[in-house]
Amino acid sequence: MTDSERTAQGCGKLLLAIVRRERGDQVVEITRHAGARGGTVALGRGESDNPLMEFLSIGDFEEDVVLTLTSDDQAPAIMAALRAYEDKTGKHKTGVVMQLDVSHVLHHTTGVARCGATERSEPMKRKTDKVLISVIVNRGFADDVMAEARKAGARGGTIMNARGTASEKDVRFLGFPLFPEKEILLILADRDKQDAVLEAVRSSECISQPGGGIAFTMAVEDSFLLGEKLK
């Protein structure tokens, strides 16, 4: 590895897009054309905010969660490309896009990549009236947490399957550790409802139990519905 090829530390933006299943690759294509180097697509399950659909057990739908890490300079062009996207299927809304600040990024580079808090302009640190609430719980409890969050004003969320990491306390089967199954719940909520939603999450049965789960929030710098025509 030469001096110009190394692992550097910088900062940037995480662009998070939540769209209907099989739309994730299309989102990645749009971001690539706008300057992104790539993206990661994870599978999720959305929950409708329609009470009737929820009662009939048809409110859930499959989703793609697309994560794109980019620099401060590239983020505006990529967000503009996504904002300009027009859904061709006849559906008015395809998904939601949000921009989150990332203070530290380690990546391979062939140049100089530096980023300090004092080097970033104030507009890049702006906050909107939205927050992203993330909840990690044991498998099977995310729906219960979402039900409590909805009572406090959350409109809907996305659930992703995950697993914990092995530890000495994990149950073993034939000598192999059985990893604890997890769910990750993502809720885009209004900032003025953040405290109420978090309190509802905190009081849910699974979170209130030791080892039941964890919740945290992140400020959203920008967000919009993907597929809406520009006004």
Protein backbone atom coordinates (compact mmCIF):
# COMPACT_ATOMS: atom_id res chain seq x y z
CA MET A 1 0.00 0.00 0.00
CA THR A 2 1.43 3.38 -1.01
CA ASP A 3 1.27 6.57 1.00
CA SER A 4 -1.61 7.74 -1.20
CA GLU A 5 -3.56 4.50 -0.67
CA ARG A 6 -4.64 4.11 2.90
CA THR A 7 -7.56 3.88 5.28
CA ALA A 8 -8.60 7.41 6.14
CA GLN A 9 -10.98 8.93 8.65
CA GLY A 10 -13.51 11.49 7.54
CA CYS A 11 -17.13 12.46 8.07
CA GLY A 12 -20.20 12.60 5.92
CA LYS A 13 -23.89 11.78 5.62
CA LEU A 14 -25.93 8.61 5.84
CA LEU A 15 -28.82 8.62 3.38
CA LEU A 16 -31.51 6.19 4.47
CA ALA A 17 -34.24 5.28 1.99
CA ILE A 18 -37.16 3.02 2.91
CA VAL A 19 -39.08 1.82 -0.16
CA ARG A 20 -41.35 -1.00 -1.25
CA ARG A 21 -39.66 -4.34 -1.91
CA GLU A 22 -37.61 -4.58 -5.14
CA ARG A 23 -37.36 -0.79 -5.40
CA GLY A 24 -34.05 -0.74 -3.51
CA ASP A 25 -31.90 -1.45 -6.57
CA GLN A 26 -33.61 1.42 -8.38
CA VAL A 27 -32.73 3.76 -5.52
CA VAL A 28 -29.09 2.61 -5.65
CA GLU A 29 -29.03 3.26 -9.42
CA ILE A 30 -30.30 6.82 -8.88
CA THR A 31 -27.73 7.53 -6.17
CA ARG A 32 -24.88 6.09 -8.28
CA HIS A 33 -25.73 8.34 -11.21
CA ALA A 34 -25.69 11.30 -8.80
CA GLY A 35 -22.21 10.47 -7.49
CA ALA A 36 -22.58 7.82 -4.79
CA ARG A 37 -20.12 4.93 -4.90
CA GLY A 38 -22.71 2.34 -3.93
CA GLY A 39 -25.23 1.35 -1.32
CA THR A 40 -26.43 -1.45 0.93
CA VAL A 41 -29.93 -2.91 0.65
CA ALA A 42 -31.49 -4.64 3.67
CA LEU A 43 -34.88 -6.32 3.86
CA GLY A 44 -37.58 -4.88 6.08
CA ARG A 45 -41.27 -5.09 6.86
CA GLY A 46 -43.43 -1.99 6.98
CA GLU A 47 -46.47 -1.41 9.17
CA SER A 48 -49.40 0.59 7.86
CA ASP A 49 -50.86 3.41 9.92
CA ASN A 50 -54.33 2.42 8.72
CA PRO A 51 -56.21 0.95 11.75
CA LEU A 52 -58.62 -1.04 9.56
CA MET A 53 -55.80 -2.72 7.62
CA GLU A 54 -54.02 -3.49 10.88
CA PHE A 55 -57.20 -5.01 12.35
CA LEU A 56 -57.58 -7.21 9.26
CA SER A 57 -53.88 -8.23 9.51
CA ILE A 58 -53.18 -6.95 5.99
CA GLY A 59 -51.41 -3.76 6.99
CA ASP A 60 -47.88 -5.18 6.75
CA PHE A 61 -45.88 -4.96 3.52
CA GLU A 62 -42.36 -5.90 2.45
CA GLU A 63 -39.80 -3.12 2.12
CA ASP A 64 -36.20 -2.47 1.10
CA VAL A 65 -34.04 -0.35 3.39
CA VAL A 66 -31.24 1.33 1.42
CA LEU A 67 -28.21 2.79 3.22
CA THR A 68 -25.90 5.12 1.30
CA LEU A 69 -22.82 6.66 2.90
CA THR A 70 -21.54 9.78 1.19
CA SER A 71 -19.46 12.89 1.78
CA ASP A 72 -20.79 16.27 2.86
CA ASP A 73 -20.10 17.65 -0.62
CA GLN A 74 -21.84 14.84 -2.51
CA ALA A 75 -24.93 14.61 -0.33
CA PRO A 76 -26.85 17.61 -1.78
CA ALA A 77 -26.63 16.31 -5.37
CA ILE A 78 -27.67 12.80 -4.38
CA MET A 79 -30.59 14.05 -2.29
CA ALA A 80 -31.66 16.30 -5.18
CA ALA A 81 -31.62 13.32 -7.57
CA LEU A 82 -33.79 11.30 -5.20
CA ARG A 83 -36.11 14.25 -4.63
CA ALA A 84 -36.56 14.66 -8.39
CA TYR A 85 -37.45 11.00 -8.85
CA GLU A 86 -40.99 10.47 -10.13
CA ASP A 87 -42.72 7.16 -9.54
CA LYS A 88 -43.63 5.57 -12.87
CA THR A 89 -46.01 2.93 -11.50
CA GLY A 90 -48.91 5.28 -10.89
CA LYS A 91 -48.54 5.14 -7.13
CA HIS A 92 -48.19 8.55 -5.54
CA LYS A 93 -45.71 7.56 -2.83
CA THR A 94 -42.88 5.07 -3.21
CA GLY A 95 -41.14 5.53 0.13
CA VAL A 96 -39.31 7.95 2.38
CA VAL A 97 -35.76 9.31 2.33
CA MET A 98 -33.90 10.85 5.24
CA GLN A 99 -30.44 12.31 5.75
CA LEU A 100 -28.46 11.70 8.96
CA ASP A 101 -25.15 13.22 10.02
CA VAL A 102 -22.12 10.93 10.41
CA SER A 103 -19.25 12.32 12.47
CA HIS A 104 -16.66 9.61 11.76
CA VAL A 105 -16.14 7.43 8.67
CA LEU A 106 -13.29 4.99 8.02
CA HIS A 107 -12.78 4.18 4.35
CA HIS A 108 -10.12 3.31 1.79
CA THR A 109 -8.91 6.33 -0.13
CA THR A 110 -6.28 7.30 -2.68
CA GLY A 111 -6.21 10.90 -1.56
CA VAL A 112 -6.45 13.05 1.52
CA ALA A 113 -9.68 12.74 3.52
CA ARG A 114 -9.99 14.86 6.60
CA CYS A 115 -13.00 16.15 8.38
CA GLY A 116 -13.21 17.87 11.72
CA ALA A 117 -16.09 19.49 13.53
CA THR A 118 -14.55 22.93 13.01
CA GLU A 119 -14.26 22.35 9.26
CA ARG A 120 -17.95 21.74 8.67
CA SER A 121 -20.30 24.56 7.78
CA GLU A 122 -23.39 25.27 9.87
CA PRO A 123 -25.88 24.46 7.06
CA MET A 124 -24.50 20.90 7.06
CA LYS A 125 -25.49 20.55 10.73
CA ARG A 126 -29.09 21.67 10.33
CA LYS A 127 -31.93 19.79 11.97
CA THR A 128 -35.50 19.34 10.79
CA ASP A 129 -38.68 18.72 12.72
CA LYS A 130 -38.15 14.95 12.37
CA VAL A 131 -36.18 12.40 14.39
CA LEU A 132 -35.34 8.77 13.71
CA ILE A 133 -36.16 6.53 16.65
CA SER A 134 -34.41 3.15 16.54
CA VAL A 135 -35.42 0.27 18.80
CA ILE A 136 -33.62 -3.09 19.06
CA VAL A 137 -35.62 -5.83 20.79
CA ASN A 138 -35.81 -9.60 20.95
CA ARG A 139 -37.53 -11.27 18.00
CA GLY A 140 -41.31 -11.07 18.16
CA PHE A 141 -41.61 -7.90 20.24
CA ALA A 142 -41.19 -5.14 17.63
CA ASP A 143 -44.88 -5.20 16.73
CA ASP A 144 -45.79 -4.71 20.40
CA VAL A 145 -43.40 -1.76 20.68
CA MET A 146 -44.82 -0.25 17.48
CA ALA A 147 -48.35 -0.58 18.86
CA GLU A 148 -47.35 1.40 21.96
CA ALA A 149 -45.47 3.99 19.89
CA ARG A 150 -48.50 4.50 17.66
CA LYS A 151 -50.62 5.33 20.71
CA ALA A 152 -48.17 8.16 21.43
CA GLY A 153 -48.39 9.64 17.94
CA ALA A 154 -46.04 7.58 15.76
CA ARG A 155 -47.64 6.90 12.39
CA GLY A 156 -45.77 3.78 11.32
CA GLY A 157 -42.44 2.04 11.25
CA THR A 158 -40.17 -0.45 9.52
CA ILE A 159 -39.03 -3.71 11.13
CA MET A 160 -35.83 -5.53 10.14
CA ASN A 161 -34.75 -8.97 11.31
CA ALA A 162 -31.33 -9.24 12.94
CA ARG A 163 -29.39 -11.30 15.44
CA GLY A 164 -27.20 -10.63 18.43
CA THR A 165 -23.53 -11.57 18.71
CA ALA A 166 -22.20 -14.63 20.47
CA SER A 167 -21.22 -14.39 24.12
CA GLU A 168 -20.23 -16.77 26.90
CA LYS A 169 -23.82 -16.73 28.16
CA ASP A 170 -25.36 -17.85 24.87
CA VAL A 171 -27.10 -21.22 24.80
CA ARG A 172 -25.11 -23.87 22.91
CA PHE A 173 -26.44 -26.68 20.73
CA LEU A 174 -24.00 -29.46 19.75
CA GLY A 175 -21.16 -27.17 20.72
CA PHE A 176 -22.30 -24.25 18.55
CA PRO A 177 -23.73 -21.01 20.02
CA LEU A 178 -27.36 -20.19 19.27
CA PHE A 179 -27.39 -16.49 18.43
CA PRO A 180 -30.26 -14.50 19.98
CA GLU A 181 -32.76 -13.43 17.33
CA LYS A 182 -33.45 -9.67 17.23
CA GLU A 183 -35.64 -7.12 15.47
CA ILE A 184 -34.75 -3.53 14.62
CA LEU A 185 -37.63 -1.06 14.54
CA LEU A 186 -37.16 2.26 12.71
CA ILE A 187 -39.67 5.06 13.36
CA LEU A 188 -39.53 8.45 11.64
CA ALA A 189 -41.37 10.70 14.07
CA ASP A 190 -42.13 14.38 14.53
CA ARG A 191 -39.66 16.04 16.88
CA ASP A 192 -42.44 17.39 19.09
CA LYS A 193 -43.68 13.81 19.63
CA GLN A 194 -40.25 12.37 20.38
CA ASP A 195 -40.56 12.42 24.18
CA ALA A 196 -44.04 10.91 24.14
CA VAL A 197 -43.04 8.13 21.74
CA LEU A 198 -39.89 7.34 23.72
CA GLU A 199 -41.89 7.20 26.94
CA ALA A 200 -44.34 4.81 25.29
CA VAL A 201 -41.45 2.66 24.08
CA ARG A 202 -39.83 2.74 27.53
CA SER A 203 -43.02 1.59 29.22
CA SER A 204 -43.55 -1.33 26.82
CA GLU A 205 -43.22 -4.69 28.51
CA CYS A 206 -40.19 -5.94 26.57
CA ILE A 207 -38.09 -2.78 27.01
CA SER A 208 -38.88 -2.56 30.72
CA GLN A 209 -37.40 -6.03 31.30
CA PRO A 210 -33.62 -6.50 31.86
CA GLY A 211 -31.99 -7.32 28.53
CA GLY A 212 -35.27 -6.77 26.72
CA GLY A 213 -34.02 -4.13 24.31
CA ILE A 214 -32.58 -0.69 23.72
CA ALA A 215 -33.84 2.49 22.05
CA PHE A 216 -32.02 5.59 20.77
CA THR A 217 -32.76 8.63 18.61
CA MET A 218 -30.88 10.44 15.85
CA ALA A 219 -31.52 13.91 14.48
CA VAL A 220 -32.77 13.99 10.88
CA GLU A 221 -31.24 16.76 8.76
CA ASP A 222 -33.58 16.34 5.80
CA SER A 223 -36.47 14.06 4.84
CA PHE A 224 -39.07 13.77 2.11
CA LEU A 225 -41.45 11.30 0.49
CA LEU A 226 -39.84 9.52 -2.44
CA GLY A 227 -41.86 9.58 -5.63
CA GLU A 228 -43.82 12.76 -5.01
CA LYS A 229 -43.69 15.19 -7.90
CA LEU A 230 -41.75 18.37 -7.30
CA LYS A 231 -43.99 21.33 -6.62
